[in-house]
N, C-alpha and C. Protein backbone atom coordinates (compact mmCIF):
# COMPACT_ATOMS: atom_id res chain seq x y z
N MET A 1 29.18 -0.83 42.04
CA MET A 1 28.84 -2.24 41.96
C MET A 1 28.51 -2.60 40.52
N ALA A 2 29.01 -3.72 40.08
CA ALA A 2 28.73 -4.19 38.73
C ALA A 2 27.27 -4.60 38.63
N SER A 3 26.67 -4.36 37.47
CA SER A 3 25.27 -4.75 37.31
C SER A 3 25.17 -6.26 37.17
N PRO A 4 24.15 -6.85 37.80
CA PRO A 4 24.00 -8.30 37.76
C PRO A 4 23.62 -8.79 36.37
N ASN A 5 23.95 -10.03 36.11
CA ASN A 5 23.58 -10.68 34.84
C ASN A 5 22.06 -10.87 34.87
N THR A 6 21.38 -10.17 33.97
CA THR A 6 19.91 -10.18 34.00
C THR A 6 19.30 -11.51 33.58
N SER A 7 20.07 -12.39 32.92
CA SER A 7 19.49 -13.66 32.52
C SER A 7 19.44 -14.65 33.69
N TRP A 8 20.20 -14.42 34.74
CA TRP A 8 20.19 -15.30 35.91
C TRP A 8 19.36 -14.64 37.01
N THR A 9 18.07 -14.92 37.02
CA THR A 9 17.19 -14.37 38.04
C THR A 9 17.36 -15.13 39.34
N ASP A 10 16.68 -14.67 40.39
CA ASP A 10 16.75 -15.35 41.68
C ASP A 10 16.34 -16.81 41.57
N ILE A 11 15.28 -17.06 40.83
CA ILE A 11 14.79 -18.44 40.74
C ILE A 11 15.76 -19.32 39.98
N LEU A 12 16.38 -18.81 38.88
CA LEU A 12 17.36 -19.60 38.14
C LEU A 12 18.63 -19.83 38.96
N THR A 13 18.99 -18.85 39.76
CA THR A 13 20.19 -18.97 40.57
C THR A 13 19.99 -19.98 41.69
N THR A 14 18.79 -20.12 42.20
CA THR A 14 18.56 -20.97 43.37
C THR A 14 17.89 -22.30 43.05
N THR A 15 17.50 -22.54 41.81
CA THR A 15 16.77 -23.75 41.47
C THR A 15 17.45 -24.48 40.32
N LEU A 16 17.63 -25.78 40.45
CA LEU A 16 18.19 -26.59 39.36
C LEU A 16 17.16 -26.77 38.27
N TYR A 17 17.62 -26.93 37.05
CA TYR A 17 16.74 -27.26 35.95
C TYR A 17 16.21 -28.68 36.15
N ALA A 18 15.00 -28.93 35.69
CA ALA A 18 14.46 -30.29 35.74
C ALA A 18 15.12 -31.08 34.63
N ARG A 19 16.04 -31.96 35.01
CA ARG A 19 16.76 -32.75 34.02
C ARG A 19 16.86 -34.19 34.48
N GLN A 20 17.01 -35.06 33.50
CA GLN A 20 17.24 -36.47 33.81
C GLN A 20 18.67 -36.66 34.28
N LYS A 21 18.90 -37.68 35.08
CA LYS A 21 20.25 -37.98 35.54
C LYS A 21 20.96 -38.93 34.59
N SER A 22 20.37 -39.18 33.42
CA SER A 22 21.02 -40.03 32.42
C SER A 22 20.81 -39.41 31.04
N MET A 23 21.67 -39.81 30.13
CA MET A 23 21.63 -39.30 28.77
C MET A 23 20.63 -40.13 27.96
N SER A 24 19.78 -39.47 27.17
CA SER A 24 18.91 -40.20 26.26
C SER A 24 19.76 -40.71 25.11
N ASP A 25 19.54 -41.95 24.70
CA ASP A 25 20.38 -42.58 23.69
C ASP A 25 19.75 -42.45 22.31
N ASN A 26 20.25 -41.51 21.52
CA ASN A 26 19.82 -41.37 20.13
C ASN A 26 20.88 -41.88 19.19
N VAL A 27 21.90 -42.57 19.72
CA VAL A 27 23.03 -43.00 18.90
C VAL A 27 23.13 -44.51 18.83
N GLY A 28 23.12 -45.20 19.96
CA GLY A 28 23.51 -46.60 19.99
C GLY A 28 22.44 -47.65 19.82
N GLN A 29 21.19 -47.26 19.77
CA GLN A 29 20.11 -48.26 19.72
C GLN A 29 19.48 -48.40 18.35
N ASN A 30 20.17 -48.01 17.29
CA ASN A 30 19.55 -48.04 15.97
C ASN A 30 20.27 -48.94 14.98
N ASN A 31 21.00 -49.92 15.47
CA ASN A 31 21.79 -50.79 14.60
C ASN A 31 21.22 -52.21 14.62
N ALA A 32 20.19 -52.45 13.82
CA ALA A 32 19.48 -53.73 13.87
C ALA A 32 20.38 -54.91 13.54
N LEU A 33 21.17 -54.83 12.48
CA LEU A 33 22.03 -55.95 12.09
C LEU A 33 23.10 -56.22 13.15
N LEU A 34 23.76 -55.15 13.62
CA LEU A 34 24.79 -55.32 14.63
C LEU A 34 24.20 -55.85 15.94
N LYS A 35 23.05 -55.35 16.30
CA LYS A 35 22.37 -55.82 17.52
C LYS A 35 22.05 -57.31 17.40
N TYR A 36 21.56 -57.72 16.24
CA TYR A 36 21.25 -59.13 15.99
C TYR A 36 22.52 -59.98 16.07
N MET A 37 23.60 -59.48 15.44
CA MET A 37 24.85 -60.23 15.43
C MET A 37 25.47 -60.35 16.82
N MET A 38 25.24 -59.37 17.68
CA MET A 38 25.87 -59.37 19.00
C MET A 38 25.10 -60.20 20.03
N LYS A 39 23.90 -60.68 19.66
CA LYS A 39 23.16 -61.53 20.58
C LYS A 39 23.98 -62.77 20.89
N LYS A 40 23.76 -63.32 22.05
CA LYS A 40 24.51 -64.49 22.48
C LYS A 40 24.47 -65.61 21.44
N GLY A 41 25.66 -66.12 21.12
CA GLY A 41 25.75 -67.24 20.20
C GLY A 41 25.83 -66.86 18.73
N ARG A 42 25.77 -65.57 18.41
CA ARG A 42 25.78 -65.17 17.01
C ARG A 42 27.10 -64.54 16.57
N ARG A 43 28.10 -64.59 17.43
CA ARG A 43 29.41 -64.08 17.06
C ARG A 43 30.48 -64.94 17.69
N ARG A 44 31.64 -64.94 17.07
CA ARG A 44 32.77 -65.70 17.57
C ARG A 44 33.97 -64.77 17.65
N PRO A 45 34.33 -64.33 18.84
CA PRO A 45 35.52 -63.47 18.95
C PRO A 45 36.77 -64.23 18.50
N VAL A 46 37.67 -63.52 17.85
CA VAL A 46 38.94 -64.07 17.39
C VAL A 46 40.03 -63.30 18.13
N SER A 47 40.94 -64.03 18.76
CA SER A 47 41.90 -63.35 19.63
C SER A 47 43.28 -63.16 19.02
N GLY A 48 43.57 -63.70 17.86
CA GLY A 48 44.90 -63.50 17.30
C GLY A 48 45.08 -64.20 15.98
N GLY A 49 46.31 -64.19 15.52
CA GLY A 49 46.65 -64.82 14.25
C GLY A 49 47.03 -63.77 13.22
N ALA A 50 47.66 -64.22 12.15
CA ALA A 50 48.10 -63.31 11.09
C ALA A 50 46.92 -62.76 10.29
N ALA A 51 45.85 -63.51 10.20
CA ALA A 51 44.65 -63.10 9.47
C ALA A 51 43.47 -63.88 10.07
N ILE A 52 42.28 -63.51 9.67
CA ILE A 52 41.08 -64.23 10.09
C ILE A 52 40.73 -65.21 8.99
N VAL A 53 40.69 -66.49 9.31
CA VAL A 53 40.39 -67.53 8.33
C VAL A 53 39.05 -68.16 8.68
N GLU A 54 38.17 -68.18 7.71
CA GLU A 54 36.84 -68.76 7.89
C GLU A 54 36.74 -69.97 6.98
N HIS A 55 36.42 -71.11 7.54
CA HIS A 55 36.27 -72.34 6.76
C HIS A 55 34.88 -72.36 6.14
N LEU A 56 34.82 -72.71 4.88
CA LEU A 56 33.56 -72.64 4.13
C LEU A 56 33.20 -73.98 3.51
N GLU A 57 31.94 -74.32 3.65
CA GLU A 57 31.36 -75.45 2.92
C GLU A 57 30.59 -74.82 1.77
N TYR A 58 31.08 -74.99 0.54
CA TYR A 58 30.53 -74.22 -0.56
C TYR A 58 29.69 -75.03 -1.54
N ALA A 59 29.59 -76.34 -1.35
CA ALA A 59 28.81 -77.14 -2.30
C ALA A 59 28.18 -78.33 -1.58
N GLU A 60 27.15 -78.88 -2.19
CA GLU A 60 26.56 -80.12 -1.70
C GLU A 60 27.18 -81.29 -2.46
N SER A 61 27.18 -82.42 -1.84
CA SER A 61 27.68 -83.62 -2.50
C SER A 61 26.77 -83.98 -3.67
N THR A 62 27.40 -84.38 -4.74
CA THR A 62 26.63 -84.84 -5.91
C THR A 62 26.39 -86.35 -5.83
N ASN A 63 26.79 -86.97 -4.72
CA ASN A 63 26.62 -88.41 -4.56
C ASN A 63 25.25 -88.80 -4.00
N PHE A 64 24.40 -87.84 -3.79
CA PHE A 64 23.05 -88.15 -3.30
C PHE A 64 22.26 -88.82 -4.42
N ILE A 65 21.51 -89.86 -4.05
CA ILE A 65 20.68 -90.55 -5.03
C ILE A 65 19.47 -91.17 -4.32
N ARG A 66 18.39 -91.18 -5.00
CA ARG A 66 17.24 -91.98 -4.57
C ARG A 66 17.33 -93.25 -5.41
N PHE A 67 17.19 -94.38 -4.80
CA PHE A 67 17.42 -95.60 -5.56
C PHE A 67 16.43 -96.69 -5.16
N SER A 68 16.48 -97.74 -5.94
CA SER A 68 15.66 -98.90 -5.68
C SER A 68 16.51 -100.13 -5.99
N GLY A 69 16.48 -101.07 -5.09
CA GLY A 69 17.17 -102.34 -5.33
C GLY A 69 18.68 -102.22 -5.42
N PHE A 70 19.22 -102.72 -6.56
CA PHE A 70 20.66 -102.80 -6.73
C PHE A 70 21.23 -101.73 -7.66
N GLU A 71 20.57 -100.59 -7.73
CA GLU A 71 21.13 -99.51 -8.56
C GLU A 71 22.49 -99.09 -8.02
N THR A 72 23.30 -98.57 -8.88
CA THR A 72 24.62 -98.11 -8.49
C THR A 72 24.51 -96.79 -7.74
N ILE A 73 25.19 -96.72 -6.62
CA ILE A 73 25.22 -95.49 -5.82
C ILE A 73 26.53 -94.77 -6.12
N PRO A 74 26.47 -93.51 -6.52
CA PRO A 74 27.70 -92.79 -6.88
C PRO A 74 28.63 -92.61 -5.67
N ILE A 75 29.94 -92.72 -5.94
CA ILE A 75 30.93 -92.55 -4.88
C ILE A 75 32.06 -91.61 -5.32
N ALA A 76 31.75 -90.69 -6.21
CA ALA A 76 32.77 -89.79 -6.75
C ALA A 76 33.41 -88.94 -5.66
N ALA A 77 34.74 -88.79 -5.72
CA ALA A 77 35.46 -87.88 -4.83
C ALA A 77 35.10 -86.45 -5.22
N GLN A 78 34.96 -85.58 -4.22
CA GLN A 78 34.53 -84.22 -4.50
C GLN A 78 35.27 -83.22 -3.61
N GLU A 79 35.41 -82.01 -4.10
CA GLU A 79 35.92 -80.89 -3.32
C GLU A 79 34.70 -80.09 -2.86
N LEU A 80 34.46 -80.06 -1.57
CA LEU A 80 33.28 -79.41 -1.02
C LEU A 80 33.60 -78.25 -0.08
N PHE A 81 34.87 -78.15 0.33
CA PHE A 81 35.25 -77.20 1.36
C PHE A 81 36.43 -76.33 0.90
N THR A 82 36.50 -75.13 1.43
CA THR A 82 37.63 -74.24 1.21
C THR A 82 37.73 -73.32 2.42
N SER A 83 38.63 -72.39 2.38
CA SER A 83 38.76 -71.40 3.45
C SER A 83 38.88 -70.02 2.83
N ALA A 84 38.31 -69.03 3.49
CA ALA A 84 38.43 -67.64 3.08
C ALA A 84 39.32 -66.94 4.10
N GLU A 85 40.15 -66.02 3.63
CA GLU A 85 41.08 -65.32 4.51
C GLU A 85 40.80 -63.83 4.46
N PHE A 86 40.69 -63.22 5.62
CA PHE A 86 40.39 -61.80 5.72
C PHE A 86 41.46 -61.10 6.56
N ALA A 87 41.95 -59.97 6.08
CA ALA A 87 42.93 -59.19 6.82
C ALA A 87 42.26 -58.52 8.02
N TRP A 88 43.04 -58.32 9.08
CA TRP A 88 42.54 -57.61 10.25
C TRP A 88 42.23 -56.17 9.88
N LYS A 89 41.20 -55.61 10.48
CA LYS A 89 40.83 -54.20 10.32
C LYS A 89 40.83 -53.56 11.70
N GLU A 90 41.17 -52.29 11.77
CA GLU A 90 41.23 -51.59 13.05
C GLU A 90 40.40 -50.31 12.99
N ALA A 91 39.87 -49.92 14.14
CA ALA A 91 39.11 -48.68 14.25
C ALA A 91 39.32 -48.10 15.64
N ALA A 92 39.20 -46.78 15.76
CA ALA A 92 39.35 -46.12 17.06
C ALA A 92 38.50 -44.87 17.09
N CYS A 93 38.19 -44.42 18.28
CA CYS A 93 37.49 -43.15 18.48
C CYS A 93 38.11 -42.49 19.71
N ALA A 94 38.87 -41.43 19.50
CA ALA A 94 39.56 -40.75 20.61
C ALA A 94 38.57 -40.03 21.50
N ILE A 95 38.81 -40.10 22.80
CA ILE A 95 38.00 -39.41 23.80
C ILE A 95 38.89 -38.35 24.44
N THR A 96 38.45 -37.10 24.44
CA THR A 96 39.26 -36.04 25.04
C THR A 96 38.45 -35.27 26.08
N ILE A 97 39.19 -34.76 27.07
CA ILE A 97 38.61 -33.88 28.08
C ILE A 97 39.74 -32.97 28.55
N SER A 98 39.45 -31.69 28.66
CA SER A 98 40.48 -30.74 29.09
C SER A 98 40.55 -30.72 30.62
N GLN A 99 41.66 -30.21 31.12
CA GLN A 99 41.83 -30.07 32.57
C GLN A 99 40.74 -29.16 33.15
N ARG A 100 40.40 -28.10 32.42
CA ARG A 100 39.35 -27.18 32.86
C ARG A 100 38.01 -27.90 32.97
N GLU A 101 37.67 -28.67 31.92
CA GLU A 101 36.40 -29.41 31.94
C GLU A 101 36.37 -30.41 33.09
N MET A 102 37.49 -31.07 33.35
CA MET A 102 37.55 -32.01 34.48
C MET A 102 37.28 -31.29 35.79
N GLY A 103 37.89 -30.12 35.96
CA GLY A 103 37.67 -29.34 37.18
C GLY A 103 36.23 -28.85 37.31
N GLN A 104 35.67 -28.37 36.21
CA GLN A 104 34.30 -27.87 36.23
C GLN A 104 33.29 -28.99 36.50
N ASN A 105 33.62 -30.21 36.14
CA ASN A 105 32.70 -31.33 36.27
C ASN A 105 33.04 -32.23 37.46
N ALA A 106 33.97 -31.80 38.29
CA ALA A 106 34.49 -32.66 39.35
C ALA A 106 33.58 -32.77 40.58
N ASP A 107 32.95 -31.71 40.97
CA ASP A 107 32.19 -31.69 42.22
C ASP A 107 30.81 -32.30 42.05
N SER A 108 30.54 -33.37 42.77
CA SER A 108 29.26 -34.07 42.62
C SER A 108 28.06 -33.21 43.01
N GLU A 109 28.29 -32.14 43.76
CA GLU A 109 27.19 -31.24 44.14
C GLU A 109 26.67 -30.48 42.92
N PHE A 110 27.55 -30.20 41.97
CA PHE A 110 27.17 -29.43 40.79
C PHE A 110 27.04 -30.29 39.54
N ARG A 111 27.63 -31.44 39.56
CA ARG A 111 27.66 -32.31 38.37
C ARG A 111 26.34 -33.06 38.23
N MET A 112 25.67 -32.88 37.10
CA MET A 112 24.46 -33.64 36.82
C MET A 112 24.83 -34.98 36.19
N LEU A 113 25.81 -34.96 35.30
CA LEU A 113 26.31 -36.16 34.62
C LEU A 113 27.83 -36.11 34.65
N ASP A 114 28.46 -37.27 34.70
CA ASP A 114 29.91 -37.34 34.63
C ASP A 114 30.32 -37.12 33.18
N LEU A 115 31.02 -36.01 32.91
CA LEU A 115 31.35 -35.63 31.54
C LEU A 115 32.25 -36.66 30.87
N LEU A 116 33.31 -37.10 31.53
CA LEU A 116 34.22 -38.07 30.92
C LEU A 116 33.50 -39.38 30.64
N GLU A 117 32.73 -39.87 31.61
CA GLU A 117 31.98 -41.11 31.42
C GLU A 117 31.00 -40.98 30.25
N SER A 118 30.34 -39.82 30.15
CA SER A 118 29.40 -39.59 29.05
C SER A 118 30.11 -39.58 27.70
N ARG A 119 31.29 -38.98 27.65
CA ARG A 119 32.05 -38.95 26.39
C ARG A 119 32.55 -40.34 26.03
N VAL A 120 32.96 -41.12 27.01
CA VAL A 120 33.39 -42.49 26.73
C VAL A 120 32.22 -43.30 26.17
N LYS A 121 31.05 -43.19 26.79
CA LYS A 121 29.87 -43.90 26.29
C LYS A 121 29.53 -43.45 24.88
N ASN A 122 29.65 -42.13 24.60
CA ASN A 122 29.39 -41.63 23.26
C ASN A 122 30.40 -42.20 22.27
N GLY A 123 31.66 -42.29 22.67
CA GLY A 123 32.69 -42.88 21.80
C GLY A 123 32.38 -44.34 21.49
N GLU A 124 31.92 -45.08 22.50
CA GLU A 124 31.55 -46.48 22.28
C GLU A 124 30.40 -46.59 21.28
N LYS A 125 29.40 -45.72 21.43
CA LYS A 125 28.26 -45.74 20.52
C LYS A 125 28.67 -45.31 19.11
N THR A 126 29.57 -44.35 19.03
CA THR A 126 30.10 -43.92 17.73
C THR A 126 30.78 -45.08 17.04
N MET A 127 31.59 -45.83 17.81
CA MET A 127 32.26 -47.01 17.25
C MET A 127 31.22 -48.02 16.75
N LEU A 128 30.21 -48.31 17.57
CA LEU A 128 29.18 -49.28 17.18
C LEU A 128 28.45 -48.83 15.92
N ASN A 129 28.10 -47.55 15.82
CA ASN A 129 27.38 -47.06 14.64
C ASN A 129 28.22 -47.19 13.38
N ASN A 130 29.50 -46.85 13.48
CA ASN A 130 30.36 -46.94 12.30
C ASN A 130 30.63 -48.39 11.92
N ILE A 131 30.81 -49.26 12.89
CA ILE A 131 30.99 -50.68 12.59
C ILE A 131 29.70 -51.27 12.02
N ALA A 132 28.55 -50.81 12.53
CA ALA A 132 27.27 -51.26 11.98
C ALA A 132 27.15 -50.85 10.52
N ALA A 133 27.56 -49.64 10.18
CA ALA A 133 27.54 -49.21 8.78
C ALA A 133 28.47 -50.08 7.96
N ASP A 134 29.63 -50.43 8.53
CA ASP A 134 30.58 -51.31 7.83
C ASP A 134 29.96 -52.68 7.55
N CYS A 135 29.06 -53.13 8.39
CA CYS A 135 28.43 -54.45 8.19
C CYS A 135 27.64 -54.52 6.89
N TYR A 136 27.29 -53.38 6.33
CA TYR A 136 26.56 -53.33 5.06
C TYR A 136 27.47 -52.94 3.89
N SER A 137 28.74 -52.64 4.14
CA SER A 137 29.62 -52.02 3.16
C SER A 137 30.30 -53.02 2.22
N ASP A 138 31.02 -52.44 1.25
CA ASP A 138 31.85 -53.26 0.37
C ASP A 138 33.31 -53.26 0.81
N GLY A 139 33.61 -52.57 1.91
CA GLY A 139 34.96 -52.58 2.48
C GLY A 139 35.96 -51.67 1.82
N THR A 140 35.52 -50.75 0.96
CA THR A 140 36.47 -49.92 0.22
C THR A 140 36.70 -48.54 0.85
N ALA A 141 35.91 -48.15 1.85
CA ALA A 141 36.08 -46.82 2.46
C ALA A 141 37.41 -46.74 3.20
N SER A 142 37.89 -45.52 3.39
CA SER A 142 39.15 -45.26 4.10
C SER A 142 40.30 -46.06 3.50
N ALA A 143 40.43 -46.01 2.20
CA ALA A 143 41.50 -46.72 1.49
C ALA A 143 41.47 -48.22 1.80
N SER A 144 40.27 -48.79 1.80
CA SER A 144 40.03 -50.22 2.05
C SER A 144 40.42 -50.67 3.46
N LYS A 145 40.43 -49.73 4.41
CA LYS A 145 40.67 -50.08 5.82
C LYS A 145 39.36 -50.41 6.51
N GLN A 146 38.25 -50.24 5.83
CA GLN A 146 36.92 -50.51 6.35
C GLN A 146 36.67 -52.02 6.42
N ILE A 147 35.89 -52.42 7.39
CA ILE A 147 35.45 -53.81 7.48
C ILE A 147 34.56 -54.10 6.28
N GLY A 148 34.78 -55.21 5.61
CA GLY A 148 33.94 -55.59 4.48
C GLY A 148 32.65 -56.21 4.98
N GLY A 149 31.54 -55.69 4.53
CA GLY A 149 30.24 -56.17 4.98
C GLY A 149 29.49 -56.95 3.92
N LEU A 150 28.17 -56.85 3.99
CA LEU A 150 27.31 -57.64 3.11
C LEU A 150 27.54 -57.34 1.63
N GLN A 151 27.83 -56.08 1.27
CA GLN A 151 28.07 -55.77 -0.15
C GLN A 151 29.32 -56.48 -0.66
N LEU A 152 30.28 -56.74 0.21
CA LEU A 152 31.47 -57.48 -0.18
C LEU A 152 31.22 -58.98 -0.19
N LEU A 153 30.49 -59.47 0.80
CA LEU A 153 30.34 -60.91 1.00
C LEU A 153 29.26 -61.56 0.14
N VAL A 154 28.27 -60.79 -0.28
CA VAL A 154 27.17 -61.35 -1.06
C VAL A 154 27.32 -60.88 -2.50
N ALA A 155 27.63 -61.80 -3.38
CA ALA A 155 27.87 -61.46 -4.79
C ALA A 155 26.58 -61.02 -5.48
N ASP A 156 26.70 -60.03 -6.37
CA ASP A 156 25.55 -59.60 -7.17
C ASP A 156 25.10 -60.74 -8.08
N VAL A 157 26.06 -61.43 -8.65
CA VAL A 157 25.80 -62.62 -9.46
C VAL A 157 26.28 -63.79 -8.60
N PRO A 158 25.37 -64.59 -8.06
CA PRO A 158 25.76 -65.59 -7.07
C PRO A 158 26.70 -66.68 -7.54
N THR A 159 27.01 -66.73 -8.82
CA THR A 159 27.91 -67.78 -9.31
C THR A 159 29.29 -67.26 -9.65
N SER A 160 29.57 -65.98 -9.33
CA SER A 160 30.90 -65.44 -9.65
C SER A 160 31.32 -64.41 -8.62
N GLY A 161 32.62 -64.09 -8.63
CA GLY A 161 33.16 -63.08 -7.73
C GLY A 161 34.26 -63.66 -6.86
N THR A 162 34.83 -62.81 -6.01
CA THR A 162 35.89 -63.24 -5.10
C THR A 162 35.53 -62.76 -3.70
N VAL A 163 35.58 -63.68 -2.75
CA VAL A 163 35.31 -63.36 -1.35
C VAL A 163 36.41 -64.02 -0.51
N GLY A 164 37.05 -63.22 0.32
CA GLY A 164 38.08 -63.76 1.20
C GLY A 164 39.21 -64.41 0.44
N GLY A 165 39.53 -63.87 -0.73
CA GLY A 165 40.61 -64.42 -1.53
C GLY A 165 40.25 -65.65 -2.33
N ARG A 166 39.01 -66.08 -2.27
CA ARG A 166 38.57 -67.28 -2.99
C ARG A 166 37.62 -66.90 -4.11
N THR A 167 37.88 -67.42 -5.29
CA THR A 167 37.02 -67.15 -6.45
C THR A 167 35.82 -68.08 -6.41
N LEU A 168 34.66 -67.47 -6.60
CA LEU A 168 33.42 -68.27 -6.65
C LEU A 168 33.18 -68.72 -8.09
N HIS A 169 32.74 -69.93 -8.28
CA HIS A 169 32.36 -70.40 -9.61
C HIS A 169 31.09 -71.20 -9.54
């Protein structure tokens, strides 16, 4: 007779470990900016088009005046609006599971957590974390395939730079 595996005692063989039936989330709950942006009313999904175009109001009218009586009120024509154009960016996170892992995790009597579902959730959180990092970026990572974030959109010198193909002055 083969000698038994000494690490699996009677109690370990007959008793389940005390474990939670859900995964603790150390990945997806740490993105303050992305969490804020995803709140209702703080984002606008875009469903298509050759590029993403954002209309911008970049200046105040210089026709404002405080006056008294019959002073002349300015009526100068002004350019106050423009549009910024941003190229689409793509990201993915592959989820894999082997046939063996599927078989080992198939029986609900032995399965504590659904392995495929857990990996999908992890992939979603991985995507959120990387996109959250992009929200702070200058958009140059991965050969400029990264989403341009605050470092790209907020100029170091607020009176110069280019954002969305438009030069600031």
